[in-house]
Structures are given as structure tokens and as C-alpha cells.
N, C-alpha and C. Protein backbone atom coordinates (compact mmCIF):
# COMPACT_ATOMS: atom_id res chain seq x y z
N MET A 1 23.18 -4.05 21.06
CA MET A 1 21.77 -4.24 21.70
C MET A 1 22.10 -5.05 23.04
N THR A 2 21.25 -4.70 24.17
CA THR A 2 21.40 -5.40 25.36
C THR A 2 20.31 -6.14 25.54
N GLY A 3 20.51 -7.19 26.50
CA GLY A 3 19.37 -7.88 27.10
C GLY A 3 19.06 -9.02 26.17
N LEU A 4 19.77 -9.25 25.14
CA LEU A 4 19.73 -10.32 24.17
C LEU A 4 20.47 -11.62 25.02
N LYS A 5 19.71 -12.71 24.93
CA LYS A 5 20.24 -13.81 25.60
C LYS A 5 21.35 -14.47 24.56
N LYS A 6 22.58 -14.97 25.30
CA LYS A 6 23.45 -15.52 24.34
C LYS A 6 22.90 -16.87 23.92
N LYS A 7 23.38 -17.16 22.64
CA LYS A 7 22.87 -18.29 21.87
C LYS A 7 23.89 -19.50 22.16
N GLY A 8 23.25 -20.57 22.92
CA GLY A 8 23.95 -21.89 23.29
C GLY A 8 23.82 -22.87 22.06
N LYS A 9 24.79 -23.89 22.08
CA LYS A 9 24.62 -24.88 21.29
C LYS A 9 25.27 -26.08 21.77
N LEU A 10 24.55 -27.14 21.37
CA LEU A 10 24.96 -28.58 21.82
C LEU A 10 25.41 -29.59 20.80
N GLN A 11 26.81 -29.69 20.72
CA GLN A 11 27.43 -30.42 19.71
C GLN A 11 27.82 -31.94 20.35
N VAL A 12 27.43 -33.04 19.58
CA VAL A 12 27.77 -34.38 20.01
C VAL A 12 28.45 -35.15 18.91
N VAL A 13 29.60 -35.78 19.42
CA VAL A 13 30.40 -36.47 18.72
C VAL A 13 30.52 -38.02 19.25
N PHE A 14 29.79 -38.92 18.23
CA PHE A 14 29.64 -40.27 18.75
C PHE A 14 30.90 -41.08 17.99
N GLY A 15 30.91 -42.29 18.30
CA GLY A 15 31.75 -43.35 17.66
C GLY A 15 32.25 -44.42 18.43
N PRO A 16 32.79 -45.33 17.92
CA PRO A 16 33.16 -46.50 18.62
C PRO A 16 34.71 -46.18 19.19
N MET A 17 35.35 -47.00 20.11
CA MET A 17 36.49 -46.93 20.42
C MET A 17 37.64 -46.62 19.15
N PHE A 18 38.60 -45.81 19.44
CA PHE A 18 39.71 -45.51 18.45
C PHE A 18 39.06 -44.87 17.23
N SER A 19 38.17 -43.95 17.24
CA SER A 19 37.52 -43.24 16.02
C SER A 19 37.80 -41.87 16.09
N GLY A 20 38.64 -41.51 17.17
CA GLY A 20 39.06 -39.99 16.93
C GLY A 20 38.04 -39.20 17.90
N LYS A 21 37.13 -39.68 18.59
CA LYS A 21 36.11 -38.76 19.32
C LYS A 21 36.87 -37.73 20.09
N THR A 22 37.86 -38.12 21.01
CA THR A 22 38.50 -37.18 21.86
C THR A 22 39.43 -36.31 20.99
N SER A 23 39.96 -36.62 19.98
CA SER A 23 40.55 -35.68 19.08
C SER A 23 39.79 -34.78 18.74
N GLU A 24 38.67 -34.98 18.28
CA GLU A 24 37.65 -33.94 17.56
C GLU A 24 37.26 -33.14 18.75
N LEU A 25 36.90 -33.73 20.03
CA LEU A 25 36.45 -32.88 21.13
C LEU A 25 37.80 -31.73 21.31
N ILE A 26 39.02 -32.22 21.45
CA ILE A 26 40.00 -31.42 21.62
C ILE A 26 40.07 -30.37 20.50
N ARG A 27 40.08 -30.60 19.39
CA ARG A 27 40.07 -29.84 18.17
C ARG A 27 39.06 -28.62 18.26
N ARG A 28 37.88 -28.94 18.62
CA ARG A 28 36.81 -27.97 18.69
C ARG A 28 37.12 -27.26 19.74
N VAL A 29 37.41 -27.59 20.95
CA VAL A 29 37.64 -26.78 22.07
C VAL A 29 38.76 -25.78 21.89
N GLN A 30 39.92 -26.32 21.39
CA GLN A 30 40.91 -25.27 20.87
C GLN A 30 40.57 -24.32 19.87
N ARG A 31 39.61 -24.48 18.89
CA ARG A 31 39.18 -23.62 18.16
C ARG A 31 38.33 -22.36 18.85
N TYR A 32 37.63 -22.90 19.75
CA TYR A 32 36.90 -21.82 20.55
C TYR A 32 37.98 -21.10 21.42
N ASN A 33 38.89 -21.63 22.01
CA ASN A 33 39.86 -21.13 22.79
C ASN A 33 40.77 -20.01 21.99
N LEU A 34 41.01 -20.34 20.68
CA LEU A 34 41.72 -19.48 19.77
C LEU A 34 40.93 -18.23 19.70
N ALA A 35 39.73 -18.56 19.56
CA ALA A 35 38.56 -17.49 19.27
C ALA A 35 38.36 -16.48 20.46
N GLY A 36 39.00 -16.68 21.66
CA GLY A 36 38.80 -15.90 22.78
C GLY A 36 37.62 -16.65 23.57
N TYR A 37 36.87 -17.53 23.46
CA TYR A 37 36.06 -18.03 24.41
C TYR A 37 36.76 -18.73 25.71
N ARG A 38 36.04 -18.57 26.74
CA ARG A 38 36.53 -19.17 28.07
C ARG A 38 36.13 -20.59 27.88
N CYS A 39 37.15 -21.68 28.04
CA CYS A 39 36.63 -23.18 27.80
C CYS A 39 37.13 -23.79 29.03
N LEU A 40 36.13 -24.82 29.31
CA LEU A 40 36.48 -25.73 30.26
C LEU A 40 36.35 -27.11 29.86
N VAL A 41 37.09 -28.31 30.23
CA VAL A 41 37.09 -29.52 29.73
C VAL A 41 36.88 -30.28 30.90
N VAL A 42 35.92 -31.42 30.85
CA VAL A 42 35.59 -32.26 31.90
C VAL A 42 35.75 -33.60 31.41
N ARG A 43 36.29 -34.36 32.53
CA ARG A 43 36.63 -35.65 32.32
C ARG A 43 36.09 -36.53 33.41
N TYR A 44 35.85 -37.95 33.07
CA TYR A 44 35.31 -38.62 33.95
C TYR A 44 36.35 -39.16 35.00
N THR A 45 36.07 -39.25 36.38
CA THR A 45 37.11 -39.37 37.41
C THR A 45 37.68 -40.78 37.25
N HIS A 46 37.11 -41.86 36.74
CA HIS A 46 37.73 -43.28 36.88
C HIS A 46 38.25 -43.44 35.54
N ASP A 47 38.39 -42.60 34.53
CA ASP A 47 39.14 -42.78 33.39
C ASP A 47 40.55 -42.21 33.61
N ASN A 48 41.38 -42.90 33.87
CA ASN A 48 42.71 -42.38 34.27
C ASN A 48 43.72 -43.31 33.31
N ARG A 49 43.35 -43.74 32.20
CA ARG A 49 44.18 -44.61 31.20
C ARG A 49 45.53 -43.98 30.87
N TYR A 50 45.28 -42.60 30.57
CA TYR A 50 46.54 -41.82 30.02
C TYR A 50 47.10 -40.60 30.85
N SER A 51 46.18 -40.12 31.63
CA SER A 51 46.58 -39.00 32.32
C SER A 51 45.60 -38.85 33.65
N THR A 52 46.09 -38.30 34.79
CA THR A 52 45.18 -38.08 35.83
C THR A 52 44.68 -36.47 35.93
N ASP A 53 44.99 -35.91 35.14
CA ASP A 53 44.71 -34.33 35.03
C ASP A 53 44.34 -33.92 33.73
N SER A 54 44.21 -34.68 33.00
CA SER A 54 43.89 -33.99 31.51
C SER A 54 42.89 -35.10 30.72
N VAL A 55 42.46 -34.49 29.67
CA VAL A 55 41.61 -35.12 28.62
C VAL A 55 42.66 -35.68 27.66
N ALA A 56 42.99 -37.03 27.38
CA ALA A 56 44.07 -37.41 26.48
C ALA A 56 43.44 -38.46 25.39
N THR A 57 44.15 -38.32 24.26
CA THR A 57 43.83 -39.26 23.22
C THR A 57 44.68 -40.49 23.31
N HIS A 58 44.44 -41.50 22.51
CA HIS A 58 45.32 -42.60 22.46
C HIS A 58 46.74 -42.40 21.93
N ASP A 59 46.86 -41.30 21.02
CA ASP A 59 48.23 -41.08 20.61
C ASP A 59 48.79 -39.90 21.34
N GLY A 60 48.21 -39.40 22.30
CA GLY A 60 49.05 -38.33 23.25
C GLY A 60 48.55 -37.02 23.20
N MET A 61 47.53 -36.62 22.40
CA MET A 61 47.00 -35.23 22.69
C MET A 61 46.41 -35.12 23.76
N ALA A 62 46.42 -33.97 24.38
CA ALA A 62 46.03 -33.64 25.62
C ALA A 62 45.52 -32.16 26.08
N LEU A 63 44.47 -32.07 26.89
CA LEU A 63 43.97 -30.66 27.10
C LEU A 63 43.83 -30.76 28.84
N ASN A 64 44.19 -29.95 29.70
CA ASN A 64 43.97 -29.96 31.08
C ASN A 64 42.37 -30.04 31.26
N ALA A 65 41.92 -30.79 32.17
CA ALA A 65 40.86 -31.00 32.53
C ALA A 65 40.21 -30.94 34.07
N ILE A 66 39.18 -30.93 34.39
CA ILE A 66 38.57 -31.14 35.69
C ILE A 66 37.83 -32.45 35.69
N LEU A 67 37.81 -33.13 36.88
CA LEU A 67 37.42 -34.49 36.93
C LEU A 67 36.33 -34.58 37.86
N THR A 68 35.28 -35.42 37.57
CA THR A 68 33.90 -35.52 38.21
C THR A 68 33.30 -36.84 37.90
N SER A 69 32.55 -37.46 38.80
CA SER A 69 31.82 -38.54 38.27
C SER A 69 30.31 -38.27 38.18
N LYS A 70 29.88 -37.05 38.44
CA LYS A 70 28.69 -36.44 38.13
C LYS A 70 28.75 -34.99 37.71
N LEU A 71 28.17 -34.62 36.66
CA LEU A 71 28.39 -33.22 36.03
C LEU A 71 27.58 -32.27 37.06
N GLY A 72 26.46 -32.70 37.56
CA GLY A 72 25.91 -31.55 38.47
C GLY A 72 26.67 -31.37 39.65
N ASP A 73 27.71 -31.98 40.02
CA ASP A 73 28.55 -31.50 40.96
C ASP A 73 29.70 -30.51 40.65
N ILE A 74 29.65 -30.03 39.25
CA ILE A 74 30.50 -28.99 38.88
C ILE A 74 29.59 -27.61 38.35
N SER A 75 28.47 -27.81 38.59
CA SER A 75 27.59 -26.73 38.02
C SER A 75 28.03 -25.45 38.62
N HIS A 76 28.49 -25.32 39.55
CA HIS A 76 28.91 -24.03 40.33
C HIS A 76 30.24 -23.50 39.58
N LEU A 77 30.95 -24.42 39.13
CA LEU A 77 32.14 -24.01 38.40
C LEU A 77 32.00 -23.60 36.93
N VAL A 78 31.13 -23.97 36.26
CA VAL A 78 30.91 -23.66 34.89
C VAL A 78 30.37 -22.39 34.51
N GLU A 79 29.86 -21.50 35.54
CA GLU A 79 29.29 -20.29 35.32
C GLU A 79 30.31 -19.42 34.69
N ASN A 80 31.54 -19.50 34.86
CA ASN A 80 32.36 -18.37 34.37
C ASN A 80 33.01 -18.87 33.03
N TYR A 81 32.50 -19.85 32.44
CA TYR A 81 32.84 -20.45 31.13
C TYR A 81 31.76 -20.25 30.05
N ASP A 82 32.44 -20.04 28.74
CA ASP A 82 31.56 -20.12 27.77
C ASP A 82 31.34 -21.43 27.14
N VAL A 83 32.38 -22.24 26.94
CA VAL A 83 32.51 -23.64 26.43
C VAL A 83 32.91 -24.60 27.37
N ILE A 84 32.07 -25.75 27.23
CA ILE A 84 32.11 -26.80 28.08
C ILE A 84 32.39 -28.15 27.27
N GLY A 85 33.55 -28.74 27.31
CA GLY A 85 33.89 -29.97 26.52
C GLY A 85 33.73 -31.08 27.72
N ILE A 86 33.02 -32.19 27.14
CA ILE A 86 32.81 -33.15 27.96
C ILE A 86 33.16 -34.56 27.46
N ASP A 87 34.32 -35.18 27.75
CA ASP A 87 34.82 -36.44 27.31
C ASP A 87 34.11 -37.68 27.97
N GLU A 88 34.12 -38.87 27.06
CA GLU A 88 33.40 -39.93 27.73
C GLU A 88 32.01 -39.65 28.29
N GLY A 89 31.29 -38.98 27.68
CA GLY A 89 29.89 -38.53 28.15
C GLY A 89 28.92 -39.55 28.41
N GLN A 90 29.23 -40.96 27.80
CA GLN A 90 28.30 -41.97 28.25
C GLN A 90 28.39 -42.29 29.68
N PHE A 91 29.45 -42.07 30.45
CA PHE A 91 29.71 -42.40 31.81
C PHE A 91 28.95 -41.64 32.91
N PHE A 92 28.45 -40.30 32.41
CA PHE A 92 27.84 -39.31 33.32
C PHE A 92 26.45 -39.90 33.37
N PRO A 93 25.74 -40.20 34.57
CA PRO A 93 24.31 -40.44 34.53
C PRO A 93 23.45 -39.20 34.39
N ASP A 94 24.10 -38.08 34.58
CA ASP A 94 23.17 -36.88 34.50
C ASP A 94 23.61 -35.93 33.44
N VAL A 95 24.11 -36.66 32.35
CA VAL A 95 24.78 -35.98 31.02
C VAL A 95 23.54 -35.13 30.44
N VAL A 96 22.33 -35.68 30.23
CA VAL A 96 21.29 -35.19 29.28
C VAL A 96 20.78 -33.94 30.13
N GLU A 97 20.48 -33.95 31.28
CA GLU A 97 20.00 -32.84 32.29
C GLU A 97 21.06 -31.60 32.22
N PHE A 98 22.33 -31.90 32.36
CA PHE A 98 23.39 -31.06 32.50
C PHE A 98 23.44 -30.29 31.32
N CYS A 99 23.68 -31.09 30.04
CA CYS A 99 24.04 -30.58 28.71
C CYS A 99 22.75 -29.55 28.33
N GLU A 100 21.44 -29.97 28.58
CA GLU A 100 20.16 -29.33 28.22
C GLU A 100 20.20 -27.92 28.96
N ALA A 101 20.57 -28.07 30.07
CA ALA A 101 20.80 -27.00 31.19
C ALA A 101 21.74 -25.76 30.54
N GLN A 102 22.97 -26.39 30.36
CA GLN A 102 23.98 -25.58 30.02
C GLN A 102 23.72 -24.95 28.68
N SER A 103 23.23 -25.71 27.70
CA SER A 103 23.00 -25.09 26.35
C SER A 103 22.08 -24.08 26.30
N ASP A 104 20.90 -24.56 27.14
CA ASP A 104 19.81 -23.56 27.09
C ASP A 104 19.98 -22.29 27.94
N SER A 105 21.14 -22.23 28.78
CA SER A 105 21.75 -20.98 29.36
C SER A 105 22.64 -20.19 28.59
N GLY A 106 22.90 -20.75 27.24
CA GLY A 106 23.76 -20.00 26.33
C GLY A 106 25.23 -20.33 26.23
N LYS A 107 25.61 -21.55 26.93
CA LYS A 107 26.98 -22.14 26.67
C LYS A 107 26.97 -22.90 25.54
N LYS A 108 28.19 -22.99 24.91
CA LYS A 108 28.46 -24.03 23.96
C LYS A 108 29.01 -25.24 24.53
N VAL A 109 28.20 -26.45 24.45
CA VAL A 109 28.65 -27.73 24.96
C VAL A 109 29.04 -28.72 23.81
N VAL A 110 30.35 -29.23 24.11
CA VAL A 110 30.52 -30.26 23.24
C VAL A 110 30.92 -31.55 23.91
N VAL A 111 30.13 -32.60 23.57
CA VAL A 111 30.29 -33.92 24.08
C VAL A 111 30.80 -35.03 23.30
N ALA A 112 31.96 -35.67 23.68
CA ALA A 112 32.31 -36.92 23.13
C ALA A 112 31.97 -38.08 23.69
N ALA A 113 31.42 -39.08 23.00
CA ALA A 113 30.90 -40.24 23.67
C ALA A 113 30.73 -41.45 22.87
N LEU A 114 30.95 -42.66 23.52
CA LEU A 114 30.43 -44.07 22.67
C LEU A 114 28.98 -43.92 22.72
N ASP A 115 28.78 -44.18 21.55
CA ASP A 115 27.16 -44.23 21.20
C ASP A 115 26.55 -45.77 21.68
N GLY A 116 27.56 -46.84 21.58
CA GLY A 116 27.06 -48.08 21.69
C GLY A 116 27.90 -48.88 22.86
N THR A 117 27.43 -49.72 23.49
CA THR A 117 28.22 -50.63 24.34
C THR A 117 28.98 -51.67 23.49
N TYR A 118 29.64 -52.58 23.96
CA TYR A 118 30.44 -53.58 23.45
C TYR A 118 29.16 -54.77 22.87
N GLN A 119 28.07 -54.63 23.51
CA GLN A 119 27.05 -55.39 23.05
C GLN A 119 26.22 -54.73 22.06
N ARG A 120 26.41 -53.67 21.59
CA ARG A 120 25.75 -52.96 20.32
C ARG A 120 24.37 -52.28 20.99
N ALA A 121 24.29 -52.08 22.32
CA ALA A 121 23.21 -51.37 22.91
C ALA A 121 23.54 -50.05 23.14
N ALA A 122 22.44 -49.13 23.26
CA ALA A 122 22.67 -47.72 23.73
C ALA A 122 23.61 -47.71 25.05
N PHE A 123 24.66 -47.02 25.02
CA PHE A 123 25.45 -46.63 26.24
C PHE A 123 24.79 -45.61 27.11
N GLY A 124 24.39 -45.91 28.35
CA GLY A 124 23.89 -45.04 29.12
C GLY A 124 22.86 -44.23 28.57
N ARG A 125 22.76 -42.99 28.77
CA ARG A 125 21.72 -42.13 28.07
C ARG A 125 22.14 -41.07 26.99
N VAL A 126 23.24 -41.52 26.58
CA VAL A 126 23.73 -40.53 25.63
C VAL A 126 22.98 -40.40 24.27
N LEU A 127 22.39 -41.27 23.77
CA LEU A 127 21.44 -41.36 22.57
C LEU A 127 20.32 -40.15 22.90
N SER A 128 19.87 -39.82 24.26
CA SER A 128 18.83 -38.87 24.42
C SER A 128 19.48 -37.39 24.18
N LEU A 129 20.70 -37.35 23.92
CA LEU A 129 21.35 -35.99 23.73
C LEU A 129 20.77 -35.76 22.08
N ILE A 130 20.55 -36.79 21.17
CA ILE A 130 20.40 -36.30 20.02
C ILE A 130 19.14 -35.39 19.64
N PRO A 131 18.15 -35.55 20.18
CA PRO A 131 16.96 -34.61 20.02
C PRO A 131 17.20 -33.24 20.60
N LEU A 132 18.38 -33.16 21.53
CA LEU A 132 18.60 -31.69 22.11
C LEU A 132 19.78 -30.96 21.32
N ALA A 133 20.35 -31.72 20.61
CA ALA A 133 21.65 -31.33 19.81
C ALA A 133 21.37 -30.68 18.54
N GLU A 134 22.10 -29.55 18.20
CA GLU A 134 22.15 -28.83 16.96
C GLU A 134 23.26 -29.57 15.95
N GLU A 135 24.04 -30.28 16.59
CA GLU A 135 25.02 -30.85 15.51
C GLU A 135 25.37 -32.34 16.13
N VAL A 136 25.25 -33.40 15.38
CA VAL A 136 25.44 -34.67 15.74
C VAL A 136 26.52 -35.35 14.72
N LEU A 137 27.62 -35.77 14.93
CA LEU A 137 28.70 -36.20 14.18
C LEU A 137 28.95 -37.88 14.68
N LYS A 138 28.75 -38.82 13.71
CA LYS A 138 29.14 -40.15 14.00
C LYS A 138 30.29 -40.47 13.37
N LEU A 139 31.36 -40.90 13.96
CA LEU A 139 32.72 -41.14 13.38
C LEU A 139 32.82 -42.78 13.19
N ASN A 140 33.56 -43.16 12.36
CA ASN A 140 34.02 -44.56 12.22
C ASN A 140 35.42 -44.87 12.57
N SER A 141 35.73 -45.94 12.97
CA SER A 141 37.10 -46.24 13.10
C SER A 141 37.62 -47.19 12.02
N ILE A 142 38.71 -47.81 12.02
CA ILE A 142 39.25 -48.71 11.10
C ILE A 142 39.21 -50.24 11.75
N CYS A 143 38.54 -51.10 11.22
CA CYS A 143 38.60 -52.69 11.83
C CYS A 143 39.96 -52.96 12.03
N MET A 144 40.09 -53.35 13.34
CA MET A 144 41.53 -53.73 13.74
C MET A 144 41.79 -55.18 13.46
N SER A 145 40.76 -55.82 12.55
CA SER A 145 41.02 -57.25 12.07
C SER A 145 41.12 -57.24 10.75
N CYS A 146 40.22 -56.42 9.95
CA CYS A 146 40.32 -56.56 8.47
C CYS A 146 40.58 -55.22 7.82
N SER A 147 40.58 -54.12 8.48
CA SER A 147 40.69 -52.76 7.99
C SER A 147 39.44 -52.21 7.29
N ALA A 148 38.51 -52.80 7.45
CA ALA A 148 37.42 -52.23 6.69
C ALA A 148 36.84 -51.13 7.82
N GLU A 149 35.71 -50.32 7.32
CA GLU A 149 35.21 -49.28 8.21
C GLU A 149 34.65 -49.95 9.31
N ALA A 150 34.79 -49.37 10.48
CA ALA A 150 34.52 -50.01 11.77
C ALA A 150 33.55 -49.10 12.70
N PRO A 151 32.25 -49.53 12.68
CA PRO A 151 31.37 -48.56 13.44
C PRO A 151 31.14 -48.89 15.01
N PHE A 152 31.72 -50.30 15.15
CA PHE A 152 31.53 -51.05 16.50
C PHE A 152 32.63 -51.16 17.31
N THR A 153 32.50 -51.30 18.53
CA THR A 153 33.45 -51.72 19.63
C THR A 153 33.21 -53.02 20.10
N LYS A 154 34.18 -53.90 20.09
CA LYS A 154 34.08 -55.35 20.62
C LYS A 154 35.25 -55.70 21.69
N ARG A 155 34.62 -56.07 22.75
CA ARG A 155 35.64 -56.36 23.86
C ARG A 155 36.27 -57.81 23.85
N ILE A 156 37.29 -57.47 24.16
CA ILE A 156 38.38 -58.87 23.95
C ILE A 156 38.30 -59.49 25.37
N GLY A 157 38.22 -59.00 26.48
CA GLY A 157 38.29 -59.60 27.61
C GLY A 157 36.91 -60.35 27.84
N ARG A 158 36.82 -60.83 29.21
CA ARG A 158 35.70 -61.80 29.58
C ARG A 158 34.79 -60.93 30.68
N GLU A 159 35.08 -59.60 30.87
CA GLU A 159 34.14 -59.05 31.91
C GLU A 159 32.80 -58.74 31.13
N THR A 160 31.78 -58.67 32.05
CA THR A 160 30.44 -58.59 31.62
C THR A 160 29.94 -57.14 31.92
N GLU A 161 30.54 -56.61 32.74
CA GLU A 161 30.06 -55.23 33.35
C GLU A 161 30.02 -54.10 31.96
N VAL A 162 29.08 -53.31 32.02
CA VAL A 162 29.07 -52.39 30.91
C VAL A 162 30.26 -51.32 31.23
N GLU A 163 30.52 -50.86 32.28
CA GLU A 163 31.56 -49.87 32.53
C GLU A 163 32.88 -50.75 32.97
N VAL A 164 33.72 -51.02 31.79
CA VAL A 164 34.93 -51.47 31.98
C VAL A 164 35.82 -50.61 31.17
N ILE A 165 36.67 -49.85 31.77
CA ILE A 165 37.59 -48.85 31.21
C ILE A 165 38.87 -49.51 30.90
N GLY A 166 39.32 -49.23 29.57
CA GLY A 166 40.40 -49.70 29.04
C GLY A 166 40.86 -49.44 27.44
N GLY A 167 41.84 -49.59 26.97
CA GLY A 167 42.25 -49.38 25.78
C GLY A 167 42.38 -50.57 24.88
N ALA A 168 43.29 -50.60 24.08
CA ALA A 168 43.64 -51.68 23.11
C ALA A 168 43.77 -53.16 23.83
N ASP A 169 44.09 -52.90 25.20
CA ASP A 169 44.27 -54.28 25.88
C ASP A 169 42.79 -54.80 26.19
N LYS A 170 41.77 -54.13 25.92
CA LYS A 170 40.51 -54.63 26.27
C LYS A 170 39.44 -54.70 25.16
N TYR A 171 39.87 -53.76 24.20
CA TYR A 171 38.82 -53.51 23.09
C TYR A 171 39.27 -53.40 21.75
N MET A 172 38.76 -53.82 20.97
CA MET A 172 38.80 -53.71 19.36
C MET A 172 37.86 -52.83 18.67
N SER A 173 38.08 -51.89 17.72
CA SER A 173 37.16 -51.27 16.90
C SER A 173 37.04 -52.48 15.71
N VAL A 174 35.78 -52.79 15.20
CA VAL A 174 35.51 -53.73 14.45
C VAL A 174 34.43 -53.40 13.35
N CYS A 175 34.48 -54.14 12.22
CA CYS A 175 33.39 -53.96 11.22
C CYS A 175 32.16 -54.89 11.71
N GLN A 176 31.03 -55.10 10.89
CA GLN A 176 30.07 -55.75 11.10
C GLN A 176 30.36 -57.25 10.94
N ASP A 177 31.27 -57.78 10.00
CA ASP A 177 31.52 -58.98 9.89
C ASP A 177 32.52 -59.47 10.88
N CYS A 178 33.33 -58.62 11.39
CA CYS A 178 34.23 -59.08 12.49
C CYS A 178 33.54 -59.06 13.57
N TYR A 179 32.68 -58.40 13.98
CA TYR A 179 31.95 -58.21 15.41
C TYR A 179 31.36 -59.74 15.34
N VAL A 180 30.91 -60.16 14.52
CA VAL A 180 30.03 -61.59 14.53
C VAL A 180 30.98 -62.79 14.44
N THR A 181 32.41 -62.58 14.30
CA THR A 181 33.25 -63.64 14.11
C THR A 181 34.05 -63.91 15.36
N GLU A 182 34.08 -65.19 15.83
CA GLU A 182 34.60 -65.45 17.17
C GLU A 182 35.82 -66.43 16.75
N PRO A 183 36.95 -66.28 17.34
CA PRO A 183 37.41 -65.00 17.94
C PRO A 183 37.68 -64.01 16.89
N THR A 184 37.60 -62.74 17.32
CA THR A 184 38.25 -61.79 16.42
C THR A 184 39.73 -61.43 16.89
N ILE A 185 40.52 -61.44 15.88
CA ILE A 185 42.01 -61.32 16.20
C ILE A 185 42.40 -60.05 15.56
N ALA A 186 43.13 -59.24 16.24
CA ALA A 186 43.84 -57.95 16.01
C ALA A 186 44.94 -58.34 15.14
N ARG A 187 44.89 -57.71 13.86
CA ARG A 187 46.04 -58.10 12.99
C ARG A 187 45.99 -56.86 11.86
N SER A 188 47.01 -56.80 11.08
CA SER A 188 47.14 -55.95 9.99
C SER A 188 47.21 -56.65 8.80
N PRO A 189 46.38 -56.47 7.74
CA PRO A 189 46.63 -57.03 6.48
C PRO A 189 47.97 -56.62 5.65
N PHE A 190 48.57 -55.55 6.23
CA PHE A 190 49.85 -55.13 5.58
C PHE A 190 51.00 -55.59 6.23
N LYS A 191 50.91 -56.35 7.34
CA LYS A 191 52.22 -56.67 8.06
C LYS A 191 53.22 -57.46 7.44
N ASN A 192 52.65 -58.16 6.56
CA ASN A 192 53.58 -59.04 5.74
C ASN A 192 54.04 -58.64 4.66
N LEU A 193 53.68 -57.43 4.14
CA LEU A 193 54.30 -56.79 3.02
C LEU A 193 55.59 -56.30 2.95
N ARG A 194 56.64 -56.66 2.13
CA ARG A 194 57.86 -56.13 2.13
C ARG A 194 57.92 -54.86 1.27
N PRO A 195 58.79 -54.06 1.62
CA PRO A 195 58.77 -52.78 0.91
C PRO A 195 59.50 -53.02 -0.29
N PRO A 196 59.36 -52.17 -1.39
CA PRO A 196 60.19 -52.50 -2.84
C PRO A 196 61.41 -52.16 -2.35
N ALA A 197 62.39 -52.90 -3.24
CA ALA A 197 63.88 -52.91 -2.95
C ALA A 197 64.40 -51.46 -2.88
N HIS A 198 63.91 -50.58 -3.54
CA HIS A 198 64.41 -49.17 -3.61
C HIS A 198 64.11 -48.42 -2.42
N ILE A 199 63.06 -48.90 -1.63
CA ILE A 199 62.91 -48.05 -0.38
C ILE A 199 63.76 -48.45 0.76
N ILE A 200 64.50 -47.69 1.34
CA ILE A 200 65.33 -47.91 2.57
C ILE A 200 64.61 -48.03 3.73
N PRO A 201 64.64 -49.20 4.61
CA PRO A 201 63.96 -49.30 5.84
C PRO A 201 64.27 -48.00 6.75
N MET A 202 63.34 -47.59 7.67
CA MET A 202 63.75 -46.57 8.39
C MET A 202 64.68 -46.69 9.26
N ASN A 203 64.71 -47.95 9.92
CA ASN A 203 65.81 -48.23 10.88
C ASN A 203 67.21 -48.18 10.29
N LEU A 204 67.41 -47.99 8.95
CA LEU A 204 68.62 -48.08 8.45
C LEU A 204 68.97 -46.62 7.95
N LEU A 205 68.01 -45.60 8.07
CA LEU A 205 68.37 -44.17 7.88
C LEU A 205 69.11 -43.53 8.64
């Protein structure tokens, strides 16, 4: 049949720092790519923690990406693509308008974003994507202080600006209890455990 409009779809992956948002974005884009879709990945210009030309995870997964600070500036580039992956969606001031326009035009849009700031307030405008999305996934991390489920991000440094880009040097993923504890200390409850005598330490293999 001809004349039918392609069906678009908006998928949003939320979560705190270190919850696997970018890994999930990469996984979804790669699935579309394997199915023959033309895929484009977009990264925020000022986030160069792990790469200058890719969307990258904390553990080294990466996909080539184009960089921008405003999604509207790349509208002319996305015309030839079927799938658009957007990492760190909370930083883009026009993320809502862009995603609505692209999904309404028939494209599949996947957004990975922090849902909350270090103060547990809505981050930018990303929560306004929820009523536009066909799928919303909220990921949790593991509390970097007590190893409970961690839905929140806590800033370690003294900066007060909302946009402070960093990794484990500036942020922790934390549970409710550890969020309100001062100071919250990054630690592992397992670090003092000794292996059973029959297990050979890895450095001796």
C-alpha cells in the first residue's frame, strides 16, 4: 500500500547516574541498526568525559555520534535517518519540541536522560516527554554507599549549578537513606570480605 505514513515512536530511558541509561540507549540503537534501520546518535557538545566523537558509557561501550548543544540545529541532518538516539537528553533545551516533531514525522526516537537533578528536582524539561512517549523506562542504580537500590543522584562536590558534568569524581548513585545522610561515603560492604581458602586470588593465577 502507498501513501501510508510511517509510524514513529518515542522511547524514553530515565534513571540516576550509573544506572545504565547510555548502555540501554546503545543496545536499542544497535538492534535497530541490525534490522536495517538508518540510525543517528546525538550527544551533548559539552559532555566530553569519555570521548570527543562518540556516545560512551562509564565502562567503555561506545557508538559514533554527532555533537550539538541544541537539537534544532541538526534538524536538517536527521531527514535521512529512521532512528535518532539522544544521550543526556536533560541538557537539551528544545528536547521536547524536537522529539515530538521527529516522532510525529515517523521516526523512532530513543532518549536517555537523568530524570532528576542532584537536588531531586525535575531536570530541565525531560519529564515533559512522558505524555508524548509510547514507552518510558525508569532504571535504578546500586547505592554506592550501602548497595541498596539507588534511584537518586547525589553530588559529592560543592558546586551549586545544575549543569555540572562529571562521573564518579563528582556524583554518587544513592538510596533514599544515604541521600539524606551527611556525609555520604562511597564504599563497598564487600571490600573487607576475604575469599574462602580454596579460592585462588586472581593475581596469583
